[in-house]
Structures are given as C-alpha cells and as structure tokens.
Amino acid sequence: LEGGSIHVDGEGTCLTTEECLLNKNRNPHLTKEQIEDELKKYLGVRKIIWLPRGLYGDDDTNGHIDNMCCFARPGVVLLSWTDDEKDPHYERAVEAFSALSTATDANGRKLEILKLHVPGPLYMTEEEGNGFAQDSDGKSRVSGTRLAASYVNFYIANGG
C-alpha cells in the first residue's frame, strides 16, 4: 500500500480511487470489499470513499488519490478541478465531484467540496524525458507528454 493511494481525515474516513487500488497490477486477488476490509483493519477507519479515477496523466501511480483529492480538515475536501471542458482532466473531475457530492464521512456529515484548480497543462521537456533510464516494464518518457500537475498533493503539518 503506497501512501499516495489513500488519504484519511483522522476521524475514520479514507479516500482512495478505484483506478489505483482496483488496478489489476496491484490487487488482482482481492475484491473491492476485501480491500475495504483490509483498509479498515490497518488504518482504523470506518468508511471508505471511492473516487473512480485519479488526476489525468497520473499513469505512474495508476491514479493515486493524493493528486486528485484530499481532506483539508474532517468533512472538507479539496478536489483537483478544471472548468475547461476540453481538458482531459475535466471528465475525471466531474466524476469525482459527483461521487463526493453524494458521499458522507464516517460521522455521517455531507462533505464540503472545495474546487482547487489544477495548473495549466505542463508538458515534459526533451531534457526531462532524456533524464530517465528506461526499463522494459516502465512507461516511456517522451517530450511533449502532459504531466500530472496538481496543488492537492501537499503535506499538512500537525496542527495545520
């Protein structure tokens, strides 16, 4: 379990994505219900909120939640958002907003959703692409590839 694949509110609620934890390369022998049971047991949470997918372009992590959505505090989430309907992230953001809009946290609260706009599209430069050592199983690094860019993936220190 990678840290970026989950986000918790400290009051019993966990956020994750189906794209990541249900990916065939991660937990092929577990059902969604079994994964939920394991998360509840290991994290001490009571409720799992599943978003369909992570941030557009976050292929390396199979859509970690930490680039897509996080708790600002219990009951309040920050969601990576774009208003640009032509942006490939738009569909993912709308799906996530829909899932969050109908969700409640472990304490039964309806979530307050704060839309945090993603930066404008950022693309890999040739120098960056050439800086990766490619292995046979890895994703190719081609200049011009859109990068997963988000302001949601940050660290909150104790006490905010």
N, C-alpha and C. Protein backbone atom coordinates (compact mmCIF):
# COMPACT_ATOMS: atom_id res chain seq x y z
N LEU A 1 0.85 -1.18 0.00
CA LEU A 1 0.00 0.00 0.00
C LEU A 1 0.89 1.23 0.00
N GLU A 2 0.82 2.01 -1.03
CA GLU A 2 1.60 3.24 -1.14
C GLU A 2 0.85 4.38 -0.46
N GLY A 3 1.59 5.24 0.20
CA GLY A 3 0.98 6.34 0.93
C GLY A 3 0.08 7.22 0.08
N GLY A 4 0.45 7.45 -1.16
CA GLY A 4 -0.34 8.31 -2.03
C GLY A 4 -1.64 7.70 -2.51
N SER A 5 -1.84 6.42 -2.24
CA SER A 5 -3.06 5.76 -2.70
C SER A 5 -4.23 5.94 -1.74
N ILE A 6 -3.95 6.51 -0.57
CA ILE A 6 -5.00 6.74 0.43
C ILE A 6 -4.85 8.13 1.04
N HIS A 7 -5.94 8.65 1.56
CA HIS A 7 -5.89 9.88 2.35
C HIS A 7 -6.96 9.75 3.42
N VAL A 8 -6.61 10.04 4.66
CA VAL A 8 -7.55 9.88 5.77
C VAL A 8 -7.78 11.22 6.47
N ASP A 9 -8.95 11.32 7.13
CA ASP A 9 -9.30 12.57 7.80
C ASP A 9 -9.01 12.58 9.29
N GLY A 10 -8.54 11.47 9.84
CA GLY A 10 -8.26 11.39 11.27
C GLY A 10 -9.49 11.11 12.11
N GLU A 11 -10.65 11.01 11.46
CA GLU A 11 -11.90 10.73 12.18
C GLU A 11 -12.63 9.51 11.61
N GLY A 12 -11.89 8.65 10.91
CA GLY A 12 -12.48 7.40 10.46
C GLY A 12 -12.85 7.30 9.01
N THR A 13 -12.48 8.30 8.19
CA THR A 13 -12.83 8.28 6.77
C THR A 13 -11.57 8.20 5.93
N CYS A 14 -11.61 7.38 4.90
CA CYS A 14 -10.49 7.21 3.97
C CYS A 14 -10.96 7.51 2.55
N LEU A 15 -10.16 8.25 1.81
CA LEU A 15 -10.37 8.49 0.38
C LEU A 15 -9.40 7.63 -0.41
N THR A 16 -9.85 7.09 -1.53
CA THR A 16 -8.98 6.37 -2.45
C THR A 16 -9.62 6.38 -3.83
N THR A 17 -8.94 5.77 -4.82
CA THR A 17 -9.52 5.67 -6.16
C THR A 17 -9.61 4.22 -6.59
N GLU A 18 -10.65 3.93 -7.34
CA GLU A 18 -10.80 2.61 -7.94
C GLU A 18 -9.69 2.36 -8.94
N GLU A 19 -9.32 3.40 -9.69
CA GLU A 19 -8.28 3.27 -10.70
C GLU A 19 -6.99 2.72 -10.10
N CYS A 20 -6.67 3.12 -8.90
CA CYS A 20 -5.43 2.69 -8.25
C CYS A 20 -5.59 1.34 -7.55
N LEU A 21 -6.41 1.29 -6.53
CA LEU A 21 -6.46 0.08 -5.69
C LEU A 21 -7.14 -1.11 -6.35
N LEU A 22 -7.97 -0.87 -7.36
CA LEU A 22 -8.60 -1.98 -8.07
C LEU A 22 -7.86 -2.32 -9.36
N ASN A 23 -6.72 -1.68 -9.60
CA ASN A 23 -5.94 -1.94 -10.80
C ASN A 23 -5.43 -3.38 -10.78
N LYS A 24 -5.48 -4.04 -11.92
CA LYS A 24 -5.09 -5.46 -11.99
C LYS A 24 -3.62 -5.68 -11.63
N ASN A 25 -2.80 -4.63 -11.71
CA ASN A 25 -1.38 -4.80 -11.37
C ASN A 25 -1.11 -4.63 -9.88
N ARG A 26 -2.14 -4.35 -9.09
CA ARG A 26 -1.94 -4.10 -7.66
C ARG A 26 -2.54 -5.19 -6.78
N ASN A 27 -3.80 -5.42 -6.92
CA ASN A 27 -4.51 -6.35 -6.03
C ASN A 27 -5.41 -7.29 -6.82
N PRO A 28 -4.84 -8.05 -7.75
CA PRO A 28 -5.70 -8.86 -8.62
C PRO A 28 -6.47 -9.96 -7.90
N HIS A 29 -6.01 -10.35 -6.73
CA HIS A 29 -6.64 -11.44 -5.99
C HIS A 29 -7.67 -10.95 -4.97
N LEU A 30 -7.85 -9.63 -4.86
CA LEU A 30 -8.77 -9.08 -3.86
C LEU A 30 -9.95 -8.38 -4.52
N THR A 31 -11.12 -8.54 -3.93
CA THR A 31 -12.30 -7.81 -4.37
C THR A 31 -12.29 -6.42 -3.73
N LYS A 32 -13.15 -5.56 -4.21
CA LYS A 32 -13.28 -4.22 -3.62
C LYS A 32 -13.64 -4.33 -2.14
N GLU A 33 -14.54 -5.23 -1.82
CA GLU A 33 -14.96 -5.42 -0.43
C GLU A 33 -13.80 -5.90 0.44
N GLN A 34 -12.98 -6.81 -0.09
CA GLN A 34 -11.82 -7.29 0.67
C GLN A 34 -10.80 -6.17 0.89
N ILE A 35 -10.61 -5.35 -0.12
CA ILE A 35 -9.70 -4.21 0.03
C ILE A 35 -10.23 -3.26 1.10
N GLU A 36 -11.53 -2.99 1.07
CA GLU A 36 -12.13 -2.14 2.11
C GLU A 36 -11.90 -2.72 3.50
N ASP A 37 -12.10 -4.02 3.64
CA ASP A 37 -11.89 -4.66 4.94
C ASP A 37 -10.45 -4.49 5.42
N GLU A 38 -9.50 -4.66 4.50
CA GLU A 38 -8.08 -4.52 4.86
C GLU A 38 -7.76 -3.07 5.25
N LEU A 39 -8.28 -2.11 4.48
CA LEU A 39 -8.04 -0.70 4.81
C LEU A 39 -8.62 -0.36 6.18
N LYS A 40 -9.81 -0.83 6.44
CA LYS A 40 -10.44 -0.56 7.74
C LYS A 40 -9.62 -1.16 8.88
N LYS A 41 -9.14 -2.36 8.66
CA LYS A 41 -8.36 -3.04 9.69
C LYS A 41 -7.02 -2.33 9.93
N TYR A 42 -6.29 -2.05 8.87
CA TYR A 42 -4.94 -1.49 9.00
C TYR A 42 -4.92 0.00 9.33
N LEU A 43 -5.90 0.74 8.83
CA LEU A 43 -5.91 2.19 9.04
C LEU A 43 -6.80 2.62 10.20
N GLY A 44 -7.63 1.72 10.68
CA GLY A 44 -8.54 2.06 11.76
C GLY A 44 -9.66 2.99 11.31
N VAL A 45 -10.02 2.92 10.03
CA VAL A 45 -11.11 3.76 9.52
C VAL A 45 -12.41 2.96 9.49
N ARG A 46 -13.51 3.68 9.40
CA ARG A 46 -14.82 3.04 9.36
C ARG A 46 -15.50 3.19 8.01
N LYS A 47 -15.03 4.13 7.21
CA LYS A 47 -15.70 4.42 5.93
C LYS A 47 -14.66 4.68 4.86
N ILE A 48 -14.89 4.08 3.68
CA ILE A 48 -14.03 4.30 2.52
C ILE A 48 -14.86 5.02 1.46
N ILE A 49 -14.35 6.13 0.97
CA ILE A 49 -14.99 6.85 -0.14
C ILE A 49 -14.13 6.59 -1.37
N TRP A 50 -14.73 5.96 -2.37
CA TRP A 50 -14.03 5.60 -3.59
C TRP A 50 -14.34 6.62 -4.68
N LEU A 51 -13.31 7.23 -5.23
CA LEU A 51 -13.48 8.03 -6.44
C LEU A 51 -13.12 7.14 -7.62
N PRO A 52 -13.76 7.35 -8.77
CA PRO A 52 -13.50 6.46 -9.90
C PRO A 52 -12.04 6.50 -10.37
N ARG A 53 -11.51 7.71 -10.58
CA ARG A 53 -10.17 7.82 -11.16
C ARG A 53 -9.40 8.95 -10.49
N GLY A 54 -8.10 8.90 -10.69
CA GLY A 54 -7.24 9.96 -10.19
C GLY A 54 -7.05 11.04 -11.23
N LEU A 55 -6.06 11.88 -11.01
CA LEU A 55 -5.73 13.00 -11.88
C LEU A 55 -5.32 12.52 -13.26
N TYR A 56 -5.75 13.24 -14.29
CA TYR A 56 -5.36 12.89 -15.66
C TYR A 56 -3.83 12.94 -15.77
N GLY A 57 -3.26 11.92 -16.38
CA GLY A 57 -1.82 11.86 -16.60
C GLY A 57 -1.05 11.19 -15.48
N ASP A 58 -1.73 10.80 -14.42
CA ASP A 58 -1.06 10.17 -13.28
C ASP A 58 -0.95 8.66 -13.52
N ASP A 59 -0.34 8.31 -14.65
CA ASP A 59 -0.25 6.91 -15.05
C ASP A 59 0.74 6.12 -14.21
N ASP A 60 1.79 6.76 -13.76
CA ASP A 60 2.83 6.05 -13.00
C ASP A 60 2.28 5.44 -11.72
N THR A 61 1.31 6.08 -11.11
CA THR A 61 0.76 5.59 -9.84
C THR A 61 -0.62 4.98 -10.02
N ASN A 62 -1.08 4.88 -11.23
CA ASN A 62 -2.43 4.38 -11.50
C ASN A 62 -3.50 5.21 -10.82
N GLY A 63 -3.28 6.52 -10.77
CA GLY A 63 -4.31 7.41 -10.25
C GLY A 63 -4.38 7.52 -8.75
N HIS A 64 -3.23 7.74 -8.10
CA HIS A 64 -3.23 7.96 -6.65
C HIS A 64 -4.22 9.05 -6.26
N ILE A 65 -4.84 8.90 -5.12
CA ILE A 65 -5.78 9.90 -4.61
C ILE A 65 -5.07 11.21 -4.26
N ASP A 66 -3.79 11.14 -3.88
CA ASP A 66 -3.12 12.33 -3.34
C ASP A 66 -2.93 13.46 -4.35
N ASN A 67 -3.05 13.18 -5.63
CA ASN A 67 -3.03 14.24 -6.64
C ASN A 67 -4.44 14.71 -7.00
N MET A 68 -5.45 13.93 -6.62
CA MET A 68 -6.82 14.20 -7.04
C MET A 68 -7.66 14.88 -5.96
N CYS A 69 -7.54 14.40 -4.73
CA CYS A 69 -8.43 14.88 -3.68
C CYS A 69 -7.79 14.61 -2.32
N CYS A 70 -8.01 15.52 -1.38
CA CYS A 70 -7.50 15.30 -0.02
C CYS A 70 -8.42 16.01 0.97
N PHE A 71 -8.30 15.62 2.22
CA PHE A 71 -9.03 16.30 3.28
C PHE A 71 -8.27 17.57 3.67
N ALA A 72 -8.98 18.69 3.71
CA ALA A 72 -8.41 19.93 4.26
C ALA A 72 -8.58 19.89 5.78
N ARG A 73 -9.67 19.29 6.19
CA ARG A 73 -9.98 19.00 7.59
C ARG A 73 -11.15 18.01 7.54
N PRO A 74 -11.49 17.38 8.65
CA PRO A 74 -12.62 16.45 8.60
C PRO A 74 -13.87 17.13 8.05
N GLY A 75 -14.50 16.47 7.09
CA GLY A 75 -15.72 16.99 6.49
C GLY A 75 -15.51 17.93 5.32
N VAL A 76 -14.25 18.30 5.04
CA VAL A 76 -13.95 19.24 3.95
C VAL A 76 -12.86 18.65 3.07
N VAL A 77 -13.13 18.57 1.76
CA VAL A 77 -12.14 18.03 0.83
C VAL A 77 -11.75 19.08 -0.20
N LEU A 78 -10.50 18.97 -0.65
CA LEU A 78 -10.00 19.76 -1.78
C LEU A 78 -9.99 18.83 -2.98
N LEU A 79 -10.57 19.28 -4.08
CA LEU A 79 -10.67 18.47 -5.29
C LEU A 79 -9.95 19.16 -6.44
N SER A 80 -9.03 18.44 -7.09
CA SER A 80 -8.36 18.97 -8.28
C SER A 80 -9.41 19.21 -9.35
N TRP A 81 -9.48 20.43 -9.85
CA TRP A 81 -10.59 20.83 -10.71
C TRP A 81 -10.12 21.64 -11.91
N THR A 82 -10.89 21.54 -12.99
CA THR A 82 -10.75 22.44 -14.12
C THR A 82 -12.15 22.76 -14.64
N ASP A 83 -12.34 24.00 -15.08
CA ASP A 83 -13.60 24.39 -15.72
C ASP A 83 -13.56 24.17 -17.23
N ASP A 84 -12.38 23.85 -17.75
CA ASP A 84 -12.17 23.70 -19.19
C ASP A 84 -12.69 22.34 -19.65
N GLU A 85 -13.84 22.35 -20.31
CA GLU A 85 -14.45 21.10 -20.76
C GLU A 85 -13.62 20.37 -21.80
N LYS A 86 -12.67 21.05 -22.42
CA LYS A 86 -11.79 20.41 -23.41
C LYS A 86 -10.57 19.76 -22.76
N ASP A 87 -10.32 20.08 -21.51
CA ASP A 87 -9.19 19.50 -20.78
C ASP A 87 -9.51 18.04 -20.48
N PRO A 88 -8.60 17.11 -20.76
CA PRO A 88 -8.88 15.70 -20.48
C PRO A 88 -9.12 15.40 -19.00
N HIS A 89 -8.72 16.30 -18.12
CA HIS A 89 -8.98 16.10 -16.69
C HIS A 89 -10.43 16.43 -16.32
N TYR A 90 -11.11 17.21 -17.14
CA TYR A 90 -12.46 17.68 -16.82
C TYR A 90 -13.41 16.52 -16.48
N GLU A 91 -13.43 15.51 -17.32
CA GLU A 91 -14.34 14.37 -17.11
C GLU A 91 -14.05 13.69 -15.77
N ARG A 92 -12.79 13.54 -15.45
CA ARG A 92 -12.40 12.92 -14.18
C ARG A 92 -12.84 13.79 -13.00
N ALA A 93 -12.67 15.08 -13.13
CA ALA A 93 -13.05 16.00 -12.05
C ALA A 93 -14.56 15.95 -11.81
N VAL A 94 -15.33 15.93 -12.89
CA VAL A 94 -16.79 15.87 -12.77
C VAL A 94 -17.22 14.55 -12.12
N GLU A 95 -16.60 13.44 -12.53
CA GLU A 95 -16.90 12.14 -11.91
C GLU A 95 -16.63 12.17 -10.40
N ALA A 96 -15.48 12.72 -10.05
CA ALA A 96 -15.10 12.79 -8.63
C ALA A 96 -16.06 13.68 -7.86
N PHE A 97 -16.40 14.83 -8.44
CA PHE A 97 -17.33 15.74 -7.78
C PHE A 97 -18.67 15.06 -7.53
N SER A 98 -19.13 14.31 -8.52
CA SER A 98 -20.40 13.59 -8.38
C SER A 98 -20.32 12.57 -7.24
N ALA A 99 -19.24 11.81 -7.18
CA ALA A 99 -19.08 10.81 -6.11
C ALA A 99 -19.00 11.48 -4.74
N LEU A 100 -18.25 12.56 -4.65
CA LEU A 100 -18.10 13.26 -3.37
C LEU A 100 -19.40 13.94 -2.94
N SER A 101 -20.17 14.41 -3.90
CA SER A 101 -21.43 15.12 -3.60
C SER A 101 -22.46 14.22 -2.93
N THR A 102 -22.39 12.94 -3.21
CA THR A 102 -23.35 12.01 -2.62
C THR A 102 -22.79 11.27 -1.41
N ALA A 103 -21.52 11.50 -1.11
CA ALA A 103 -20.86 10.78 -0.01
C ALA A 103 -21.05 11.50 1.32
N THR A 104 -20.95 10.71 2.37
CA THR A 104 -20.85 11.25 3.73
C THR A 104 -19.60 10.65 4.36
N ASP A 105 -19.08 11.33 5.37
CA ASP A 105 -17.89 10.79 6.04
C ASP A 105 -18.31 9.77 7.10
N ALA A 106 -17.35 9.26 7.84
CA ALA A 106 -17.62 8.23 8.84
C ALA A 106 -18.55 8.71 9.95
N ASN A 107 -18.65 10.02 10.12
CA ASN A 107 -19.54 10.59 11.14
C ASN A 107 -20.88 11.02 10.57
N GLY A 108 -21.14 10.68 9.30
CA GLY A 108 -22.42 10.98 8.68
C GLY A 108 -22.55 12.37 8.10
N ARG A 109 -21.47 13.14 8.11
CA ARG A 109 -21.52 14.50 7.56
C ARG A 109 -21.43 14.48 6.04
N LYS A 110 -22.24 15.31 5.41
CA LYS A 110 -22.10 15.55 3.98
C LYS A 110 -20.81 16.34 3.79
N LEU A 111 -20.05 16.01 2.76
CA LEU A 111 -18.77 16.65 2.54
C LEU A 111 -18.91 18.04 1.93
N GLU A 112 -18.12 18.97 2.40
CA GLU A 112 -17.96 20.26 1.73
C GLU A 112 -16.83 20.07 0.73
N ILE A 113 -17.08 20.41 -0.53
CA ILE A 113 -16.10 20.20 -1.60
C ILE A 113 -15.57 21.54 -2.07
N LEU A 114 -14.28 21.74 -1.92
CA LEU A 114 -13.62 22.95 -2.39
C LEU A 114 -12.85 22.61 -3.65
N LYS A 115 -13.18 23.28 -4.75
CA LYS A 115 -12.51 23.02 -6.02
C LYS A 115 -11.21 23.81 -6.07
N LEU A 116 -10.11 23.09 -6.23
CA LEU A 116 -8.80 23.70 -6.34
C LEU A 116 -8.31 23.48 -7.77
N HIS A 117 -8.25 24.57 -8.52
CA HIS A 117 -7.93 24.46 -9.94
C HIS A 117 -6.52 23.93 -10.16
N VAL A 118 -6.42 23.00 -11.11
CA VAL A 118 -5.12 22.46 -11.48
C VAL A 118 -4.34 23.53 -12.24
N PRO A 119 -3.01 23.48 -12.21
CA PRO A 119 -2.24 24.42 -13.02
C PRO A 119 -2.53 24.18 -14.49
N GLY A 120 -2.25 25.17 -15.31
CA GLY A 120 -2.40 24.98 -16.75
C GLY A 120 -1.57 23.78 -17.19
N PRO A 121 -1.89 23.19 -18.32
CA PRO A 121 -1.17 21.99 -18.75
C PRO A 121 0.34 22.21 -18.75
N LEU A 122 1.04 21.24 -18.17
CA LEU A 122 2.50 21.24 -18.14
C LEU A 122 2.97 20.02 -18.93
N TYR A 123 4.02 20.19 -19.70
CA TYR A 123 4.49 19.11 -20.57
C TYR A 123 5.96 18.80 -20.31
N MET A 124 6.31 17.54 -20.47
CA MET A 124 7.68 17.09 -20.27
C MET A 124 8.56 17.68 -21.37
N THR A 125 9.70 18.21 -20.96
CA THR A 125 10.66 18.74 -21.92
C THR A 125 11.53 17.59 -22.43
N GLU A 126 12.24 17.85 -23.51
CA GLU A 126 13.15 16.83 -24.05
C GLU A 126 14.23 16.49 -23.03
N GLU A 127 14.75 17.50 -22.36
CA GLU A 127 15.78 17.27 -21.35
C GLU A 127 15.26 16.37 -20.22
N GLU A 128 14.04 16.63 -19.78
CA GLU A 128 13.45 15.79 -18.72
C GLU A 128 13.24 14.36 -19.20
N GLY A 129 12.73 14.22 -20.41
CA GLY A 129 12.50 12.89 -20.97
C GLY A 129 13.78 12.10 -21.11
N ASN A 130 14.85 12.76 -21.50
CA ASN A 130 16.14 12.10 -21.66
C ASN A 130 16.79 11.77 -20.32
N GLY A 131 16.31 12.36 -19.25
CA GLY A 131 16.90 12.14 -17.94
C GLY A 131 16.45 10.86 -17.25
N PHE A 132 15.54 10.12 -17.88
CA PHE A 132 15.05 8.88 -17.30
C PHE A 132 15.76 7.68 -17.90
N ALA A 133 16.11 6.73 -17.08
CA ALA A 133 16.63 5.45 -17.57
C ALA A 133 15.43 4.53 -17.76
N GLN A 134 15.18 4.14 -18.99
CA GLN A 134 14.01 3.33 -19.32
C GLN A 134 14.27 1.86 -19.06
N ASP A 135 13.36 1.19 -18.37
CA ASP A 135 13.46 -0.26 -18.25
C ASP A 135 12.35 -0.89 -19.08
N SER A 136 12.39 -2.19 -19.21
CA SER A 136 11.46 -2.86 -20.12
C SER A 136 10.01 -2.77 -19.67
N ASP A 137 9.77 -2.61 -18.38
CA ASP A 137 8.40 -2.56 -17.87
C ASP A 137 7.87 -1.15 -17.68
N GLY A 138 8.75 -0.16 -17.77
CA GLY A 138 8.37 1.20 -17.45
C GLY A 138 7.66 1.93 -18.57
N LYS A 139 7.00 2.98 -18.19
CA LYS A 139 6.32 3.87 -19.13
C LYS A 139 7.37 4.70 -19.85
N SER A 140 7.22 4.86 -21.15
CA SER A 140 8.18 5.66 -21.90
C SER A 140 8.04 7.13 -21.53
N ARG A 141 9.13 7.84 -21.60
CA ARG A 141 9.18 9.26 -21.27
C ARG A 141 9.47 10.04 -22.55
N VAL A 142 8.44 10.62 -23.09
CA VAL A 142 8.55 11.31 -24.37
C VAL A 142 8.32 12.80 -24.15
N SER A 143 9.20 13.63 -24.71
CA SER A 143 8.99 15.06 -24.57
C SER A 143 7.64 15.42 -25.18
N GLY A 144 6.96 16.36 -24.55
CA GLY A 144 5.64 16.76 -25.00
C GLY A 144 4.51 16.02 -24.29
N THR A 145 4.84 14.99 -23.51
CA THR A 145 3.83 14.27 -22.74
C THR A 145 3.30 15.17 -21.64
N ARG A 146 1.99 15.22 -21.50
CA ARG A 146 1.40 16.03 -20.43
C ARG A 146 1.71 15.41 -19.08
N LEU A 147 2.11 16.25 -18.15
CA LEU A 147 2.44 15.80 -16.80
C LEU A 147 1.23 15.94 -15.88
N ALA A 148 1.17 15.07 -14.90
CA ALA A 148 0.13 15.17 -13.87
C ALA A 148 0.53 16.31 -12.95
N ALA A 149 -0.23 17.39 -12.96
CA ALA A 149 0.10 18.57 -12.15
C ALA A 149 -1.10 18.93 -11.27
N SER A 150 -0.82 19.08 -9.99
CA SER A 150 -1.89 19.31 -9.02
C SER A 150 -1.36 20.09 -7.84
N TYR A 151 -2.23 20.89 -7.24
CA TYR A 151 -1.90 21.58 -6.00
C TYR A 151 -2.42 20.82 -4.77
N VAL A 152 -3.11 19.72 -5.01
CA VAL A 152 -3.73 18.97 -3.92
C VAL A 152 -2.71 18.10 -3.18
N ASN A 153 -1.65 17.71 -3.83
CA ASN A 153 -0.66 16.80 -3.24
C ASN A 153 0.35 17.59 -2.42
N PHE A 154 0.04 17.77 -1.14
CA PHE A 154 0.91 18.54 -0.25
C PHE A 154 0.86 17.94 1.14
N TYR A 155 1.71 18.41 2.00
CA TYR A 155 1.81 17.90 3.38
C TYR A 155 1.21 18.91 4.35
N ILE A 156 0.33 18.43 5.23
CA ILE A 156 -0.23 19.27 6.28
C ILE A 156 0.45 18.89 7.59
N ALA A 157 1.13 19.83 8.20
CA ALA A 157 1.83 19.56 9.46
C ALA A 157 0.83 19.45 10.60
N ASN A 158 1.22 18.79 11.66
CA ASN A 158 0.35 18.68 12.85
C ASN A 158 -0.13 20.06 13.27
N GLY A 159 -1.40 20.18 13.52
CA GLY A 159 -1.97 21.45 13.95
C GLY A 159 -2.27 22.40 12.82
N GLY A 160 -2.07 21.97 11.56
CA GLY A 160 -2.38 22.79 10.40
C GLY A 160 -1.38 23.86 10.24
